[in-house]
Amino acid sequence: MRKTLPSLKHPKRLSFKRKPIQNQIPGKITYVGEGTSEDTVINVISYNEEKVIYNNNCSIEKVLDLVTHEPQFKHWINFIGVHDVEKLSKLGSLLNIHPLVLEDIANTKQRPKLDEFEDYVFFALKMIYHNETDLLIKNHFGLVFNKSYIISFQQSHDIIFNSIRERIHNKVGRIRIRNTDYLFYALIDAVVDNYYNLLETIEEKIQDLEERIIEDASKASTSEIQLLKREILSIRKAVFPAKELINKLQISKHPLYDKSTKAYIADLYDHILQVTENIDIYREIVWGLMDMYMGSLSIKMNEVMKVLTIMSTIFIPLTFLAGIYGMNFDYMPELNIKSGYFIVWGIMILMTALLIFYFRKKKWF
């Protein structure tokens, strides 16, 4: 069953007029994004080849204790709720994360970004999906990792990483036996793989619109096409910078990346390259849909005008005859003919038949 595009009034339009933050101190952590009432949650999965330990709803002190006193584990720290700048600042201070990185994490409007420091790497990108009401959602997502831990910063809870959690829990794949750089790759790969699901939805919408336009242009509307165009441009704006960043990861000489992980990052670059190419293809198709829609309406209008023109052409000579014999002159010889009325009717019917025969011969209808 195909999904139908939501009404233009249905999704909340993003405001492009945002009040700029003036005289902002570099490195000052200020949340930029939509307000939320959700509490900030910190969940930690500590794992090695033999064991997995779950610590949910951790305090900042507990996180520091795990990282400091349990070096035999690799720790995945999932920080959900970047709107809480106080906790974000405290965690960053205890783990020696640069204030500029924390500033980029709290700014949900930040474009995808890669920063490599001496002992850790920061990567930011967008998690994009459609919610249950078919509204496009873009969530800011940041990763910080070093040799012993990796921190994922999210705006809200997700289901994208459930497969990663299952692989860790069931010891499936290589995450449990590899270093944190492999988990870093796996998390980015999960986000990129979700782009494929997003593009499948976009493709279904394009096919549905295209079929309705071909069948009957009146079943579609310019608002649907414009909404779909805006969605694709929004996705393109979020995804395209990630292509360049993943390419930088591929050629980076940073010591945190194992040589064996570089092969997986190269495969990840192939995936993001395919995603960006598909986005460009869909963008061209949607732009063509507008031309197809307007062309279909023009053809339909031309059909209507052709029918009206044929009817007008038939009635012009009939109106001419009716106009002549409707004049109020005292002397009109034809009026005295006993069969004049029937003769005029015969002439009218004959002229109509000849015109219809001529139009049919020309295949005008």
Protein backbone atom coordinates (compact mmCIF):
# COMPACT_ATOMS: atom_id res chain seq x y z
CA MET A 1 0.00 0.00 0.00
CA ARG A 2 1.51 3.27 -1.10
CA LYS A 3 1.97 6.14 1.29
CA THR A 4 0.25 9.38 0.36
CA LEU A 5 1.90 12.70 0.80
CA PRO A 6 0.69 14.71 3.76
CA SER A 7 -1.12 17.99 3.23
CA LEU A 8 1.09 21.05 3.13
CA LYS A 9 -0.74 22.27 6.23
CA HIS A 10 0.03 19.03 8.06
CA PRO A 11 3.78 19.27 8.75
CA LYS A 12 5.21 22.05 10.82
CA ARG A 13 7.20 24.37 8.60
CA LEU A 14 10.60 25.33 9.87
CA SER A 15 11.20 28.99 10.46
CA PHE A 16 14.18 30.35 8.58
CA LYS A 17 14.23 33.56 10.63
CA ARG A 18 16.11 32.80 13.82
CA LYS A 19 17.28 35.46 16.19
CA PRO A 20 21.08 35.46 16.06
CA ILE A 21 23.06 35.07 19.27
CA GLN A 22 25.10 38.24 19.50
CA ASN A 23 28.42 38.65 21.29
CA GLN A 24 28.60 34.90 21.84
CA ILE A 25 31.74 33.86 23.70
CA PRO A 26 33.60 31.12 21.74
CA GLY A 27 33.20 27.82 23.55
CA LYS A 28 30.18 28.93 25.60
CA ILE A 29 27.68 26.08 25.59
CA THR A 30 24.26 27.33 24.45
CA TYR A 31 21.49 25.01 23.37
CA VAL A 32 20.17 25.92 19.93
CA GLY A 33 17.10 23.98 18.86
CA GLU A 34 13.48 23.22 19.61
CA GLY A 35 12.41 23.13 23.24
CA THR A 36 11.79 19.77 24.91
CA SER A 37 10.50 18.59 28.27
CA GLU A 38 12.30 15.24 28.21
CA ASP A 39 14.78 14.49 30.97
CA THR A 40 18.40 13.93 30.05
CA VAL A 41 19.39 10.26 30.33
CA ILE A 42 22.87 8.75 30.32
CA ASN A 43 23.12 5.02 29.59
CA VAL A 44 26.43 3.17 29.55
CA ILE A 45 27.19 -0.19 27.95
CA SER A 46 30.52 -1.54 29.17
CA TYR A 47 31.78 -4.51 27.19
CA ASN A 48 34.74 -6.66 26.31
CA GLU A 49 35.10 -10.01 24.57
CA GLU A 50 33.79 -11.99 27.58
CA LYS A 51 31.22 -9.75 29.25
CA VAL A 52 28.65 -6.95 28.85
CA ILE A 53 27.48 -4.69 31.70
CA TYR A 54 24.56 -2.26 31.43
CA ASN A 55 24.38 0.89 33.55
CA ASN A 56 21.23 2.89 32.89
CA ASN A 57 20.34 6.38 34.15
CA CYS A 58 23.89 7.02 35.25
CA SER A 59 25.09 10.15 36.98
CA ILE A 60 28.07 12.08 35.64
CA GLU A 61 30.15 10.81 38.57
CA LYS A 62 29.21 7.20 37.76
CA VAL A 63 30.30 7.69 34.15
CA LEU A 64 33.66 9.07 35.28
CA ASP A 65 34.06 6.16 37.71
CA LEU A 66 33.39 3.60 34.98
CA VAL A 67 35.80 5.21 32.54
CA THR A 68 38.53 5.66 35.16
CA HIS A 69 38.39 2.47 37.22
CA GLU A 70 37.29 -0.15 34.70
CA PRO A 71 39.90 0.01 31.91
CA GLN A 72 39.34 -3.67 31.07
CA PHE A 73 36.08 -2.62 29.40
CA LYS A 74 35.30 -0.45 26.43
CA HIS A 75 32.46 1.93 27.28
CA TRP A 76 29.65 3.19 25.05
CA ILE A 77 28.20 6.23 26.79
CA ASN A 78 24.85 7.25 25.30
CA PHE A 79 23.98 10.84 26.30
CA ILE A 80 20.33 11.51 25.37
CA GLY A 81 19.13 15.10 25.73
CA VAL A 82 21.71 17.64 24.59
CA HIS A 83 19.37 20.45 25.70
CA ASP A 84 20.68 20.02 29.26
CA VAL A 85 23.76 22.21 28.90
CA GLU A 86 24.60 21.90 32.59
CA LYS A 87 25.07 18.13 32.44
CA LEU A 88 26.72 18.43 29.05
CA SER A 89 29.21 20.96 30.38
CA LYS A 90 29.94 18.89 33.48
CA LEU A 91 30.54 15.71 31.48
CA GLY A 92 32.76 17.56 29.05
CA SER A 93 34.78 19.13 31.86
CA LEU A 94 35.38 15.79 33.63
CA LEU A 95 36.36 14.00 30.41
CA ASN A 96 38.44 16.91 29.05
CA ILE A 97 36.33 17.51 25.96
CA HIS A 98 37.09 20.83 24.27
CA PRO A 99 34.48 23.59 24.90
CA LEU A 100 34.15 24.21 21.14
CA VAL A 101 33.15 20.56 20.67
CA LEU A 102 30.54 20.87 23.42
CA GLU A 103 29.27 24.04 21.76
CA ASP A 104 28.84 22.16 18.46
CA ILE A 105 27.04 19.31 20.25
CA ALA A 106 24.53 21.68 21.88
CA ASN A 107 23.89 23.50 18.59
CA THR A 108 21.42 21.25 16.77
CA LYS A 109 21.63 23.48 13.68
CA GLN A 110 25.33 22.65 13.31
CA ARG A 111 26.15 21.09 9.93
CA PRO A 112 28.02 17.74 9.84
CA LYS A 113 31.53 18.21 11.14
CA LEU A 114 34.77 16.32 11.86
CA ASP A 115 37.40 17.46 14.37
CA GLU A 116 40.45 15.37 15.20
CA PHE A 117 42.30 16.12 18.43
CA GLU A 118 45.41 14.54 19.82
CA ASP A 119 43.66 11.91 21.95
CA TYR A 120 40.07 11.87 20.67
CA VAL A 121 37.92 12.45 17.57
CA PHE A 122 34.64 14.35 17.26
CA PHE A 123 32.14 13.62 14.48
CA ALA A 124 28.71 15.26 14.03
CA LEU A 125 26.02 14.33 11.53
CA LYS A 126 22.23 14.16 11.19
CA MET A 127 19.83 11.31 11.94
CA ILE A 128 16.94 11.71 9.48
CA TYR A 129 13.68 9.76 9.43
CA HIS A 130 9.91 10.08 9.00
CA ASN A 131 7.83 9.88 12.17
CA GLU A 132 4.45 8.15 12.53
CA THR A 133 2.68 11.17 10.97
CA ASP A 134 5.01 11.08 7.94
CA LEU A 135 6.75 14.27 9.03
CA LEU A 136 10.46 14.56 8.21
CA ILE A 137 12.57 14.67 11.40
CA LYS A 138 16.21 15.70 11.55
CA ASN A 139 18.01 15.01 14.84
CA HIS A 140 21.48 16.25 15.64
CA PHE A 141 23.91 13.46 16.49
CA GLY A 142 27.47 13.72 17.77
CA LEU A 143 30.21 11.18 18.50
CA VAL A 144 33.32 11.56 20.63
CA PHE A 145 35.67 8.60 20.96
CA ASN A 146 39.11 7.70 22.22
CA LYS A 147 40.83 4.41 23.04
CA SER A 148 38.71 3.49 26.06
CA TYR A 149 35.25 4.95 25.44
CA ILE A 150 32.88 6.41 22.89
CA ILE A 151 30.17 8.96 23.67
CA SER A 152 27.11 9.36 21.48
CA PHE A 153 25.15 12.60 21.95
CA GLN A 154 21.50 12.62 20.82
CA GLN A 155 18.54 14.96 20.94
CA SER A 156 16.07 12.17 21.73
CA HIS A 157 15.67 8.40 22.00
CA ASP A 158 16.06 6.36 18.84
CA ILE A 159 15.54 2.91 17.38
CA ILE A 160 18.30 3.23 14.78
CA PHE A 161 20.95 1.84 17.13
CA ASN A 162 18.91 -1.10 18.44
CA SER A 163 20.69 -3.41 16.01
CA ILE A 164 24.07 -2.24 17.37
CA ARG A 165 22.92 -2.94 20.94
CA GLU A 166 21.75 -6.41 19.93
CA ARG A 167 25.07 -7.17 18.26
CA ILE A 168 26.91 -6.18 21.41
CA HIS A 169 24.55 -8.14 23.66
CA ASN A 170 24.59 -11.31 21.54
CA LYS A 171 28.27 -11.04 20.59
CA VAL A 172 27.41 -10.91 16.90
CA GLY A 173 29.96 -9.41 14.54
CA ARG A 174 33.24 -7.78 15.50
CA ILE A 175 32.27 -5.02 17.95
CA ARG A 176 33.08 -6.97 21.13
CA ILE A 177 36.53 -8.00 19.90
CA ARG A 178 37.58 -4.76 18.22
CA ASN A 179 38.62 -1.36 19.54
CA THR A 180 36.36 1.65 19.95
CA ASP A 181 37.13 2.86 16.44
CA TYR A 182 35.10 -0.06 15.09
CA LEU A 183 32.08 0.90 17.24
CA PHE A 184 32.59 4.46 15.98
CA TYR A 185 32.37 3.14 12.41
CA ALA A 186 29.36 0.91 13.24
CA LEU A 187 27.33 3.81 14.68
CA ILE A 188 27.98 6.01 11.64
CA ASP A 189 27.20 3.06 9.36
CA ALA A 190 23.83 2.56 11.13
CA VAL A 191 22.93 6.22 10.48
CA VAL A 192 23.96 5.97 6.82
CA ASP A 193 22.05 2.70 6.38
CA ASN A 194 18.96 4.45 7.72
CA TYR A 195 19.35 6.96 4.88
CA TYR A 196 18.52 4.07 2.52
CA ASN A 197 15.20 3.52 4.33
CA LEU A 198 14.53 7.24 4.05
CA LEU A 199 15.24 7.23 0.31
CA GLU A 200 12.92 4.24 -0.19
CA THR A 201 10.10 6.29 1.32
CA ILE A 202 10.98 9.23 -0.92
CA GLU A 203 11.03 6.93 -3.95
CA GLU A 204 7.56 5.59 -3.06
CA LYS A 205 6.22 9.14 -2.81
CA ILE A 206 7.75 10.05 -6.17
CA GLN A 207 6.26 6.97 -7.85
CA ASP A 208 2.85 7.64 -6.30
CA LEU A 209 2.87 11.25 -7.49
CA GLU A 210 4.11 10.31 -10.94
CA GLU A 211 1.39 7.67 -11.40
CA ARG A 212 -1.34 10.07 -10.28
CA ILE A 213 -0.08 12.82 -12.60
CA ILE A 214 0.03 10.43 -15.57
CA GLU A 215 -3.42 9.02 -14.77
CA ASP A 216 -5.06 12.36 -14.03
CA ALA A 217 -3.19 15.55 -13.15
CA SER A 218 -6.13 16.79 -11.10
CA LYS A 219 -5.44 14.00 -8.56
CA ALA A 220 -2.16 15.70 -7.63
CA SER A 221 -1.37 19.28 -6.64
CA THR A 222 1.54 21.70 -6.78
CA SER A 223 1.63 21.79 -2.97
CA GLU A 224 2.44 18.06 -2.84
CA ILE A 225 5.23 18.46 -5.37
CA GLN A 226 6.64 21.49 -3.56
CA LEU A 227 6.51 19.66 -0.22
CA LEU A 228 8.39 16.69 -1.67
CA LYS A 229 10.92 19.02 -3.28
CA ARG A 230 11.47 20.76 0.07
CA GLU A 231 11.97 17.40 1.81
CA ILE A 232 14.62 16.32 -0.69
CA LEU A 233 16.47 19.63 -0.45
CA SER A 234 16.40 19.37 3.35
CA ILE A 235 17.82 15.83 3.18
CA ARG A 236 20.46 16.91 0.68
CA LYS A 237 21.56 19.78 2.90
CA ALA A 238 22.04 17.38 5.83
CA VAL A 239 23.63 14.45 3.98
CA PHE A 240 25.98 15.96 1.41
CA PRO A 241 28.52 17.40 3.90
CA ALA A 242 28.81 13.94 5.49
CA LYS A 243 30.21 12.57 2.22
CA GLU A 244 33.24 14.83 2.41
CA LEU A 245 33.77 14.08 6.11
CA ILE A 246 33.68 10.30 5.64
CA ASN A 247 36.20 10.70 2.85
CA LYS A 248 38.43 12.57 5.32
CA LEU A 249 38.06 9.67 7.76
CA GLN A 250 39.15 7.32 5.00
CA ILE A 251 42.41 9.18 4.34
CA SER A 252 43.10 10.28 7.92
CA LYS A 253 46.38 9.25 9.58
CA HIS A 254 45.08 9.66 13.13
CA PRO A 255 46.48 6.89 15.41
CA LEU A 256 43.03 6.06 16.84
CA TYR A 257 41.99 4.39 13.56
CA ASP A 258 43.19 0.81 13.17
CA LYS A 259 44.39 -0.09 9.72
CA SER A 260 41.84 -2.89 9.52
CA THR A 261 38.98 -0.45 10.26
CA LYS A 262 39.97 1.75 7.31
CA ALA A 263 38.63 -0.91 4.92
CA TYR A 264 35.19 -0.64 6.55
CA ILE A 265 35.33 3.15 6.41
CA ALA A 266 36.11 2.88 2.69
CA ASP A 267 32.99 0.74 2.29
CA LEU A 268 31.05 3.32 4.31
CA TYR A 269 32.20 6.01 1.88
CA ASP A 270 30.81 3.93 -1.01
CA HIS A 271 27.46 3.81 0.78
CA ILE A 272 27.25 7.55 1.42
CA LEU A 273 28.34 8.17 -2.17
CA GLN A 274 25.46 6.03 -3.43
CA VAL A 275 23.05 7.83 -1.10
CA THR A 276 24.09 11.28 -2.36
CA GLU A 277 23.86 10.16 -5.98
CA ASN A 278 20.31 8.87 -5.39
CA ILE A 279 19.35 12.14 -3.70
CA ASP A 280 20.49 14.07 -6.78
CA ILE A 281 18.55 11.69 -9.04
CA TYR A 282 15.38 12.11 -6.98
CA ARG A 283 15.82 15.86 -6.96
CA GLU A 284 15.96 15.92 -10.76
CA ILE A 285 12.91 13.64 -10.98
CA VAL A 286 10.87 15.87 -8.65
CA TRP A 287 11.78 18.96 -10.65
CA GLY A 288 10.61 17.05 -13.72
CA LEU A 289 7.35 16.17 -11.96
CA MET A 290 6.41 19.84 -11.85
CA ASP A 291 6.96 20.14 -15.62
CA MET A 292 4.96 16.93 -16.12
CA TYR A 293 2.16 18.26 -13.91
CA MET A 294 1.97 21.60 -15.71
CA GLY A 295 2.20 19.85 -19.09
CA SER A 296 -0.65 17.48 -18.17
CA LEU A 297 -2.81 20.39 -17.10
CA SER A 298 -2.01 22.20 -20.36
CA ILE A 299 -2.94 19.13 -22.41
CA LYS A 300 -6.21 18.79 -20.49
CA MET A 301 -6.92 22.49 -20.98
CA ASN A 302 -6.15 22.18 -24.70
CA GLU A 303 -8.63 19.29 -24.97
CA VAL A 304 -11.31 21.43 -23.35
CA MET A 305 -10.49 24.39 -25.60
CA LYS A 306 -10.58 22.13 -28.66
CA VAL A 307 -14.10 20.93 -27.81
CA LEU A 308 -15.27 24.50 -27.19
CA THR A 309 -13.67 25.67 -30.45
CA ILE A 310 -15.38 22.90 -32.45
CA MET A 311 -18.73 23.74 -30.88
CA SER A 312 -18.23 27.43 -31.62
CA THR A 313 -17.26 26.68 -35.23
CA ILE A 314 -20.44 24.64 -35.71
CA PHE A 315 -22.72 27.27 -34.18
CA ILE A 316 -21.20 30.31 -35.98
CA PRO A 317 -22.94 29.66 -39.37
CA LEU A 318 -26.13 28.58 -37.57
CA THR A 319 -26.09 31.82 -35.60
CA PHE A 320 -25.46 33.71 -38.86
CA LEU A 321 -28.57 32.22 -40.45
CA ALA A 322 -30.66 32.77 -37.34
CA GLY A 323 -29.45 36.37 -37.22
CA ILE A 324 -30.42 37.06 -40.84
CA TYR A 325 -33.95 35.73 -40.53
CA GLY A 326 -34.36 37.35 -37.14
CA MET A 327 -34.10 40.86 -38.65
CA ASN A 328 -37.27 42.96 -38.55
CA PHE A 329 -37.50 44.08 -42.19
CA ASP A 330 -40.94 44.45 -43.78
CA TYR A 331 -39.96 42.72 -47.01
CA MET A 332 -38.06 39.38 -46.83
CA PRO A 333 -39.08 37.15 -49.80
CA GLU A 334 -38.09 33.89 -48.06
CA LEU A 335 -40.61 34.52 -45.31
CA ASN A 336 -43.46 34.12 -47.80
CA ILE A 337 -42.30 30.69 -48.97
CA LYS A 338 -44.64 28.08 -47.59
CA SER A 339 -41.80 25.61 -46.81
CA GLY A 340 -39.23 28.29 -45.82
CA TYR A 341 -39.05 27.23 -42.18
CA PHE A 342 -38.27 23.62 -43.08
CA ILE A 343 -35.78 24.68 -45.74
CA VAL A 344 -33.79 26.73 -43.22
CA TRP A 345 -33.81 23.82 -40.80
CA GLY A 346 -32.57 21.53 -43.53
CA ILE A 347 -29.76 23.93 -44.44
CA MET A 348 -28.73 24.15 -40.77
CA ILE A 349 -28.70 20.37 -40.33
CA LEU A 350 -26.75 19.91 -43.55
CA MET A 351 -24.14 22.51 -42.56
CA THR A 352 -23.78 20.87 -39.13
CA ALA A 353 -23.35 17.40 -40.68
CA LEU A 354 -20.77 18.67 -43.20
CA LEU A 355 -18.75 20.42 -40.48
CA ILE A 356 -18.80 17.34 -38.23
CA PHE A 357 -17.74 15.16 -41.19
CA TYR A 358 -14.89 17.56 -41.97
CA PHE A 359 -13.65 17.63 -38.35
CA ARG A 360 -13.80 13.85 -38.11
CA LYS A 361 -11.84 13.51 -41.35
CA LYS A 362 -9.17 15.85 -39.92
CA LYS A 363 -9.20 13.71 -36.72
CA TRP A 364 -9.81 16.79 -34.56
CA PHE A 365 -12.09 14.74 -32.36
